[in-house]
Amino acid sequence: MRQHGIVTPDEGRTQIAEQFRVIKRPLLTNAFSKGPGRVKNGNLIMVTSALAGEGKSFCTVNLAMSIAMEMDRTVLLVDADVARPTVPRILGVGKERGLLDILLDEKLDLADVLIKTNIEKLTLLTAGTRHSHSTELLASQSMGELLKELAERYADRVVIFDSPPLLLTSEARVLATQMGQIVLVVEAETTSQQAVKETLRQIESCDVVNLIYNKARSFSGSEYYGYYYHESA
């Protein structure tokens, strides 16, 4: 995974590892804060983008890997990009039953489809079998019950969803209404301001929206994965 730019536990203080250490900290604060300022379902975090190819799945996996390095947190990574699942390929996992299968089959238990990775605190739930009514499945009562279980079963768990691009699919909009926090990945020098504004408008129902400015250029002119963090709440 390292050769693909994915953060790994034994990587040390590389630039990308440090960037995700910065990115994850306010997300974790929101996820586990107590008291009046508590974010409802703050441990349900959706990563999305306006359009395809902006690097959202790359950011999703790196965010999950970075949080899995925390001493007292565990991560469930959900590939919710049901039309074009990418996370299993990044992690080297084959096609498995997953999210949509659970929503379709009430006899199927969550434990039956969770995949333990070789990262101690990281578990994967794949998108599962494609379905023509995936949007309706994600908007169903079964999905609501599943999200409640995911959010509440383990006190130390962060659940990260790799969502489809928001301006291209209806599934992402349905997911956005059920999340506690959203991370919007914006590709530097490519994604238009209009696309970003429209995306933000469509997810304004979420109290906490975070922006990652991806694929920025360094001062030397070479391209690198740069992450700039902005939070609006």
C-alpha atoms as a PDB file:
ATOM      1  CA  MET A   1       0.000   0.000   0.000  1.00  0.00           C
ATOM      2  CA  ARG A   2       2.872   2.334   0.741  1.00  0.00           C
ATOM      3  CA  GLN A   3       3.883   2.542  -2.916  1.00  0.00           C
ATOM      4  CA  HIS A   4       0.387   3.856  -3.691  1.00  0.00           C
ATOM      5  CA  GLY A   5       0.723   6.658  -1.144  1.00  0.00           C
ATOM      6  CA  ILE A   6      -1.314   4.958   1.585  1.00  0.00           C
ATOM      7  CA  VAL A   7      -0.381   5.681   5.193  1.00  0.00           C
ATOM      8  CA  THR A   8       0.780   2.570   7.070  1.00  0.00           C
ATOM      9  CA  PRO A   9       1.358   2.056  10.819  1.00  0.00           C
ATOM     10  CA  ASP A  10       5.119   1.610  10.435  1.00  0.00           C
ATOM     11  CA  GLU A  11       5.568   4.619   8.171  1.00  0.00           C
ATOM     12  CA  GLY A  12       6.754   7.131  10.754  1.00  0.00           C
ATOM     13  CA  ARG A  13       6.777  10.898  10.240  1.00  0.00           C
ATOM     14  CA  THR A  14       6.321  11.207   6.489  1.00  0.00           C
ATOM     15  CA  GLN A  15       4.670  14.279   5.005  1.00  0.00           C
ATOM     16  CA  ILE A  16       1.438  12.496   4.147  1.00  0.00           C
ATOM     17  CA  ALA A  17       1.245  10.795   7.550  1.00  0.00           C
ATOM     18  CA  GLU A  18       1.651  14.161   9.260  1.00  0.00           C
ATOM     19  CA  GLN A  19      -0.998  15.760   7.045  1.00  0.00           C
ATOM     20  CA  PHE A  20      -3.557  13.159   8.024  1.00  0.00           C
ATOM     21  CA  ARG A  21      -2.623  13.503  11.676  1.00  0.00           C
ATOM     22  CA  VAL A  22      -3.676  17.140  11.351  1.00  0.00           C
ATOM     23  CA  ILE A  23      -6.840  16.317   9.393  1.00  0.00           C
ATOM     24  CA  LYS A  24      -8.130  13.637  11.768  1.00  0.00           C
ATOM     25  CA  ARG A  25      -7.770  15.558  15.016  1.00  0.00           C
ATOM     26  CA  PRO A  26     -10.829  17.869  14.786  1.00  0.00           C
ATOM     27  CA  LEU A  27     -12.864  14.988  13.359  1.00  0.00           C
ATOM     28  CA  LEU A  28     -12.040  12.889  16.411  1.00  0.00           C
ATOM     29  CA  THR A  29     -12.806  15.790  18.726  1.00  0.00           C
ATOM     30  CA  ASN A  30     -16.245  16.140  17.143  1.00  0.00           C
ATOM     31  CA  ALA A  31     -16.806  12.388  17.179  1.00  0.00           C
ATOM     32  CA  PHE A  32     -16.254  11.949  20.902  1.00  0.00           C
ATOM     33  CA  SER A  33     -16.997  15.324  22.468  1.00  0.00           C
ATOM     34  CA  LYS A  34     -19.459  15.417  25.350  1.00  0.00           C
ATOM     35  CA  GLY A  35     -21.760  18.093  26.679  1.00  0.00           C
ATOM     36  CA  PRO A  36     -23.796  20.848  24.994  1.00  0.00           C
ATOM     37  CA  GLY A  37     -21.587  21.109  21.901  1.00  0.00           C
ATOM     38  CA  ARG A  38     -21.797  17.411  21.148  1.00  0.00           C
ATOM     39  CA  VAL A  39     -22.174  16.514  17.453  1.00  0.00           C
ATOM     40  CA  LYS A  40     -25.005  14.028  16.944  1.00  0.00           C
ATOM     41  CA  ASN A  41     -23.652  10.867  15.310  1.00  0.00           C
ATOM     42  CA  GLY A  42     -20.283  12.577  15.170  1.00  0.00           C
ATOM     43  CA  ASN A  43     -18.563   9.217  14.776  1.00  0.00           C
ATOM     44  CA  LEU A  44     -20.328   8.681  11.417  1.00  0.00           C
ATOM     45  CA  ILE A  45     -18.060  10.422   8.894  1.00  0.00           C
ATOM     46  CA  MET A  46     -18.727  10.519   5.154  1.00  0.00           C
ATOM     47  CA  VAL A  47     -15.975  11.351   2.659  1.00  0.00           C
ATOM     48  CA  THR A  48     -17.207  12.589  -0.707  1.00  0.00           C
ATOM     49  CA  SER A  49     -16.353  14.853  -3.633  1.00  0.00           C
ATOM     50  CA  ALA A  50     -18.265  16.891  -6.158  1.00  0.00           C
ATOM     51  CA  LEU A  51     -17.092  14.858  -9.151  1.00  0.00           C
ATOM     52  CA  ALA A  52     -15.224  11.647  -9.919  1.00  0.00           C
ATOM     53  CA  GLY A  53     -11.438  11.477  -9.898  1.00  0.00           C
ATOM     54  CA  GLU A  54     -10.790  14.029  -7.148  1.00  0.00           C
ATOM     55  CA  GLY A  55      -9.081  11.542  -4.839  1.00  0.00           C
ATOM     56  CA  LYS A  56     -11.847  10.893  -2.312  1.00  0.00           C
ATOM     57  CA  SER A  57     -11.218   7.148  -1.979  1.00  0.00           C
ATOM     58  CA  PHE A  58      -7.497   7.787  -1.547  1.00  0.00           C
ATOM     59  CA  CYS A  59      -8.312  10.283   1.208  1.00  0.00           C
ATOM     60  CA  THR A  60     -10.886   7.947   2.768  1.00  0.00           C
ATOM     61  CA  VAL A  61      -8.435   5.073   3.119  1.00  0.00           C
ATOM     62  CA  ASN A  62      -5.670   7.319   4.442  1.00  0.00           C
ATOM     63  CA  LEU A  63      -8.015   8.901   6.971  1.00  0.00           C
ATOM     64  CA  ALA A  64      -9.146   5.462   8.139  1.00  0.00           C
ATOM     65  CA  MET A  65      -5.562   4.223   8.383  1.00  0.00           C
ATOM     66  CA  SER A  66      -4.502   7.275  10.362  1.00  0.00           C
ATOM     67  CA  ILE A  67      -7.373   6.982  12.846  1.00  0.00           C
ATOM     68  CA  ALA A  68      -6.647   3.255  13.227  1.00  0.00           C
ATOM     69  CA  MET A  69      -3.241   4.275  14.612  1.00  0.00           C
ATOM     70  CA  GLU A  70      -4.900   5.979  17.590  1.00  0.00           C
ATOM     71  CA  MET A  71      -4.238   4.255  20.900  1.00  0.00           C
ATOM     72  CA  ASP A  72      -7.893   4.066  21.963  1.00  0.00           C
ATOM     73  CA  ARG A  73      -9.962   4.138  18.758  1.00  0.00           C
ATOM     74  CA  THR A  74     -11.120   1.549  16.237  1.00  0.00           C
ATOM     75  CA  VAL A  75     -12.277   2.158  12.669  1.00  0.00           C
ATOM     76  CA  LEU A  76     -14.948   0.600  10.502  1.00  0.00           C
ATOM     77  CA  LEU A  77     -14.368   1.595   6.877  1.00  0.00           C
ATOM     78  CA  VAL A  78     -17.534   1.310   4.773  1.00  0.00           C
ATOM     79  CA  ASP A  79     -17.305   1.347   0.989  1.00  0.00           C
ATOM     80  CA  ALA A  80     -20.587   3.095   0.225  1.00  0.00           C
ATOM     81  CA  ASP A  81     -19.645   3.948  -3.365  1.00  0.00           C
ATOM     82  CA  VAL A  82     -22.046   1.254  -4.473  1.00  0.00           C
ATOM     83  CA  ALA A  83     -21.745   1.994  -8.209  1.00  0.00           C
ATOM     84  CA  ARG A  84     -17.938   2.166  -8.413  1.00  0.00           C
ATOM     85  CA  PRO A  85     -16.440   0.576  -5.289  1.00  0.00           C
ATOM     86  CA  THR A  86     -12.746   1.421  -5.018  1.00  0.00           C
ATOM     87  CA  VAL A  87     -11.706   0.835  -1.414  1.00  0.00           C
ATOM     88  CA  PRO A  88     -11.406  -2.989  -1.663  1.00  0.00           C
ATOM     89  CA  ARG A  89      -9.073  -2.624  -4.648  1.00  0.00           C
ATOM     90  CA  ILE A  90      -6.868  -0.176  -2.741  1.00  0.00           C
ATOM     91  CA  LEU A  91      -6.721  -2.570   0.215  1.00  0.00           C
ATOM     92  CA  GLY A  92      -6.287  -5.668  -1.944  1.00  0.00           C
ATOM     93  CA  VAL A  93      -9.631  -7.236  -1.027  1.00  0.00           C
ATOM     94  CA  GLY A  94     -11.803  -9.203  -3.457  1.00  0.00           C
ATOM     95  CA  LYS A  95     -15.534  -8.891  -4.095  1.00  0.00           C
ATOM     96  CA  GLU A  96     -17.462  -9.829  -0.976  1.00  0.00           C
ATOM     97  CA  ARG A  97     -20.969  -9.543   0.382  1.00  0.00           C
ATOM     98  CA  GLY A  98     -21.394  -6.199   2.071  1.00  0.00           C
ATOM     99  CA  LEU A  99     -23.572  -3.185   2.755  1.00  0.00           C
ATOM    100  CA  LEU A 100     -26.300  -3.687   0.149  1.00  0.00           C
ATOM    101  CA  ASP A 101     -26.547  -7.394   0.958  1.00  0.00           C
ATOM    102  CA  ILE A 102     -27.272  -6.618   4.616  1.00  0.00           C
ATOM    103  CA  LEU A 103     -30.003  -4.179   3.618  1.00  0.00           C
ATOM    104  CA  LEU A 104     -31.578  -6.735   1.280  1.00  0.00           C
ATOM    105  CA  ASP A 105     -31.376  -9.817   3.487  1.00  0.00           C
ATOM    106  CA  GLU A 106     -32.692  -9.430   7.029  1.00  0.00           C
ATOM    107  CA  LYS A 107     -31.280 -12.853   7.913  1.00  0.00           C
ATOM    108  CA  LEU A 108     -27.757 -11.677   7.156  1.00  0.00           C
ATOM    109  CA  ASP A 109     -25.903 -10.484  10.236  1.00  0.00           C
ATOM    110  CA  LEU A 110     -23.424  -7.617  10.182  1.00  0.00           C
ATOM    111  CA  ALA A 111     -20.744  -9.876  11.638  1.00  0.00           C
ATOM    112  CA  ASP A 112     -21.113 -12.177   8.615  1.00  0.00           C
ATOM    113  CA  VAL A 113     -19.875  -9.544   6.169  1.00  0.00           C
ATOM    114  CA  LEU A 114     -17.280  -7.578   8.130  1.00  0.00           C
ATOM    115  CA  ILE A 115     -13.718  -8.143   6.922  1.00  0.00           C
ATOM    116  CA  LYS A 116     -10.800  -7.958   9.330  1.00  0.00           C
ATOM    117  CA  THR A 117      -7.785  -6.335   7.723  1.00  0.00           C
ATOM    118  CA  ASN A 118      -4.127  -6.823   8.603  1.00  0.00           C
ATOM    119  CA  ILE A 119      -4.319  -3.469  10.388  1.00  0.00           C
ATOM    120  CA  GLU A 120      -5.266  -4.367  13.956  1.00  0.00           C
ATOM    121  CA  LYS A 121      -7.908  -1.683  14.535  1.00  0.00           C
ATOM    122  CA  LEU A 122      -9.307  -1.439  10.992  1.00  0.00           C
ATOM    123  CA  THR A 123     -12.340  -3.423   9.795  1.00  0.00           C
ATOM    124  CA  LEU A 124     -13.888  -3.204   6.316  1.00  0.00           C
ATOM    125  CA  LEU A 125     -17.479  -3.399   5.092  1.00  0.00           C
ATOM    126  CA  THR A 126     -17.594  -3.578   1.296  1.00  0.00           C
ATOM    127  CA  ALA A 127     -20.365  -2.138  -0.883  1.00  0.00           C
ATOM    128  CA  GLY A 128     -21.681  -5.612  -1.600  1.00  0.00           C
ATOM    129  CA  THR A 129     -23.744  -6.812  -4.545  1.00  0.00           C
ATOM    130  CA  ARG A 130     -24.853  -4.118  -6.980  1.00  0.00           C
ATOM    131  CA  HIS A 131     -28.556  -3.334  -7.015  1.00  0.00           C
ATOM    132  CA  SER A 132     -30.695  -1.163  -9.294  1.00  0.00           C
ATOM    133  CA  HIS A 133     -32.463   0.373  -6.287  1.00  0.00           C
ATOM    134  CA  SER A 134     -29.386   1.165  -4.224  1.00  0.00           C
ATOM    135  CA  THR A 135     -30.576   4.710  -3.480  1.00  0.00           C
ATOM    136  CA  GLU A 136     -33.821   3.411  -2.031  1.00  0.00           C
ATOM    137  CA  LEU A 137     -31.933   0.814   0.000  1.00  0.00           C
ATOM    138  CA  LEU A 138     -29.678   3.492   1.485  1.00  0.00           C
ATOM    139  CA  ALA A 139     -32.757   5.569   2.348  1.00  0.00           C
ATOM    140  CA  SER A 140     -34.597   2.636   3.924  1.00  0.00           C
ATOM    141  CA  GLN A 141     -35.528   1.991   7.527  1.00  0.00           C
ATOM    142  CA  SER A 142     -33.074  -0.913   7.491  1.00  0.00           C
ATOM    143  CA  MET A 143     -30.260   1.504   6.689  1.00  0.00           C
ATOM    144  CA  GLY A 144     -31.333   3.796   9.508  1.00  0.00           C
ATOM    145  CA  GLU A 145     -31.295   0.893  11.941  1.00  0.00           C
ATOM    146  CA  LEU A 146     -27.896  -0.252  10.677  1.00  0.00           C
ATOM    147  CA  LEU A 147     -26.409   3.221  11.095  1.00  0.00           C
ATOM    148  CA  LYS A 148     -27.774   3.419  14.627  1.00  0.00           C
ATOM    149  CA  GLU A 149     -26.133   0.100  15.427  1.00  0.00           C
ATOM    150  CA  LEU A 150     -22.837   1.172  13.863  1.00  0.00           C
ATOM    151  CA  ALA A 151     -22.828   4.475  15.735  1.00  0.00           C
ATOM    152  CA  GLU A 152     -23.754   3.101  19.148  1.00  0.00           C
ATOM    153  CA  ARG A 153     -22.493  -0.475  19.497  1.00  0.00           C
ATOM    154  CA  TYR A 154     -18.863   0.375  20.293  1.00  0.00           C
ATOM    155  CA  ALA A 155     -17.974   3.512  22.227  1.00  0.00           C
ATOM    156  CA  ASP A 156     -14.499   3.748  20.670  1.00  0.00           C
ATOM    157  CA  ARG A 157     -15.517   3.220  17.039  1.00  0.00           C
ATOM    158  CA  VAL A 158     -15.282   5.694  14.164  1.00  0.00           C
ATOM    159  CA  VAL A 159     -17.255   4.729  11.054  1.00  0.00           C
ATOM    160  CA  ILE A 160     -15.929   6.212   7.801  1.00  0.00           C
ATOM    161  CA  PHE A 161     -17.981   6.017   4.600  1.00  0.00           C
ATOM    162  CA  ASP A 162     -16.451   6.316   1.143  1.00  0.00           C
ATOM    163  CA  SER A 163     -19.364   7.943  -0.668  1.00  0.00           C
ATOM    164  CA  PRO A 164     -20.064   8.320  -4.386  1.00  0.00           C
ATOM    165  CA  PRO A 165     -19.418  11.773  -5.919  1.00  0.00           C
ATOM    166  CA  LEU A 166     -22.202  14.033  -4.742  1.00  0.00           C
ATOM    167  CA  LEU A 167     -23.059  15.814  -7.989  1.00  0.00           C
ATOM    168  CA  LEU A 168     -23.140  12.592 -10.007  1.00  0.00           C
ATOM    169  CA  THR A 169     -25.281  10.272  -7.893  1.00  0.00           C
ATOM    170  CA  SER A 170     -28.401  10.245  -5.771  1.00  0.00           C
ATOM    171  CA  GLU A 171     -26.897   7.759  -3.291  1.00  0.00           C
ATOM    172  CA  ALA A 172     -24.463  10.331  -1.907  1.00  0.00           C
ATOM    173  CA  ARG A 173     -27.246  12.807  -1.144  1.00  0.00           C
ATOM    174  CA  VAL A 174     -29.174  10.171   0.772  1.00  0.00           C
ATOM    175  CA  LEU A 175     -26.088   9.225   2.784  1.00  0.00           C
ATOM    176  CA  ALA A 176     -25.294  12.856   3.560  1.00  0.00           C
ATOM    177  CA  THR A 177     -28.571  13.332   5.429  1.00  0.00           C
ATOM    178  CA  GLN A 178     -27.625  10.562   7.861  1.00  0.00           C
ATOM    179  CA  MET A 179     -24.065  11.558   8.732  1.00  0.00           C
ATOM    180  CA  GLY A 180     -22.689  13.448  11.718  1.00  0.00           C
ATOM    181  CA  GLN A 181     -19.707  14.844   9.790  1.00  0.00           C
ATOM    182  CA  ILE A 182     -18.859  15.196   6.102  1.00  0.00           C
ATOM    183  CA  VAL A 183     -15.422  15.578   4.530  1.00  0.00           C
ATOM    184  CA  LEU A 184     -15.505  17.103   1.047  1.00  0.00           C
ATOM    185  CA  VAL A 185     -12.438  16.411  -1.110  1.00  0.00           C
ATOM    186  CA  VAL A 186     -11.744  19.159  -3.657  1.00  0.00           C
ATOM    187  CA  GLU A 187      -9.168  18.629  -6.402  1.00  0.00           C
ATOM    188  CA  ALA A 188      -6.861  21.630  -6.645  1.00  0.00           C
ATOM    189  CA  GLU A 189      -6.914  23.635  -9.885  1.00  0.00           C
ATOM    190  CA  THR A 190      -9.525  21.298 -11.382  1.00  0.00           C
ATOM    191  CA  THR A 191     -12.834  21.412  -9.509  1.00  0.00           C
ATOM    192  CA  SER A 192     -14.735  24.585 -10.337  1.00  0.00           C
ATOM    193  CA  GLN A 193     -15.881  26.996  -7.668  1.00  0.00           C
ATOM    194  CA  GLN A 194     -19.432  26.527  -8.919  1.00  0.00           C
ATOM    195  CA  ALA A 195     -19.220  22.751  -8.403  1.00  0.00           C
ATOM    196  CA  VAL A 196     -17.916  23.224  -4.867  1.00  0.00           C
ATOM    197  CA  LYS A 197     -20.654  25.727  -4.015  1.00  0.00           C
ATOM    198  CA  GLU A 198     -23.371  23.448  -5.380  1.00  0.00           C
ATOM    199  CA  THR A 199     -21.978  20.494  -3.451  1.00  0.00           C
ATOM    200  CA  LEU A 200     -21.877  22.489  -0.219  1.00  0.00           C
ATOM    201  CA  ARG A 201     -25.451  23.611  -0.826  1.00  0.00           C
ATOM    202  CA  GLN A 202     -26.599  20.010  -1.121  1.00  0.00           C
ATOM    203  CA  ILE A 203     -24.976  18.969   2.161  1.00  0.00           C
ATOM    204  CA  GLU A 204     -25.867  22.051   4.193  1.00  0.00           C
ATOM    205  CA  SER A 205     -28.179  19.951   6.380  1.00  0.00           C
ATOM    206  CA  CYS A 206     -25.060  18.431   7.980  1.00  0.00           C
ATOM    207  CA  ASP A 207     -23.825  20.519  10.901  1.00  0.00           C
ATOM    208  CA  VAL A 208     -20.126  19.780  10.375  1.00  0.00           C
ATOM    209  CA  VAL A 209     -18.593  19.958   6.896  1.00  0.00           C
ATOM    210  CA  ASN A 210     -14.831  19.733   6.367  1.00  0.00           C
ATOM    211  CA  LEU A 211     -12.861  20.480   3.194  1.00  0.00           C
ATOM    212  CA  ILE A 212      -9.672  18.794   2.018  1.00  0.00           C
ATOM    213  CA  TYR A 213      -7.854  20.593  -0.798  1.00  0.00           C
ATOM    214  CA  ASN A 214      -6.250  17.714  -2.655  1.00  0.00           C
ATOM    215  CA  LYS A 215      -3.436  17.418  -5.231  1.00  0.00           C
ATOM    216  CA  ALA A 216      -2.113  20.897  -4.571  1.00  0.00           C
ATOM    217  CA  ARG A 217       1.185  22.067  -6.033  1.00  0.00           C
ATOM    218  CA  SER A 218       4.183  22.767  -3.874  1.00  0.00           C
ATOM    219  CA  PHE A 219       6.123  26.021  -4.112  1.00  0.00           C
ATOM    220  CA  SER A 220       8.688  24.248  -6.288  1.00  0.00           C
ATOM    221  CA  GLY A 221       5.987  23.518  -8.857  1.00  0.00           C
ATOM    222  CA  SER A 222       5.921  19.756  -8.386  1.00  0.00           C
ATOM    223  CA  GLU A 223       2.612  18.076  -7.671  1.00  0.00           C
ATOM    224  CA  TYR A 224       1.982  16.387  -4.370  1.00  0.00           C
ATOM    225  CA  TYR A 225      -0.948  15.340  -2.240  1.00  0.00           C
ATOM    226  CA  GLY A 226      -1.528  18.439  -0.151  1.00  0.00           C
ATOM    227  CA  TYR A 227      -4.361  18.641   2.338  1.00  0.00           C
ATOM    228  CA  TYR A 228      -5.817  21.886   3.554  1.00  0.00           C
ATOM    229  CA  TYR A 229      -8.400  21.626   6.273  1.00  0.00           C
ATOM    230  CA  HIS A 230     -11.386  23.864   6.795  1.00  0.00           C
ATOM    231  CA  GLU A 231     -14.286  23.241   9.128  1.00  0.00           C
ATOM    232  CA  SER A 232     -17.660  24.933   9.106  1.00  0.00           C
ATOM    233  CA  ALA A 233     -20.153  24.126  11.810  1.00  0.00           C
END
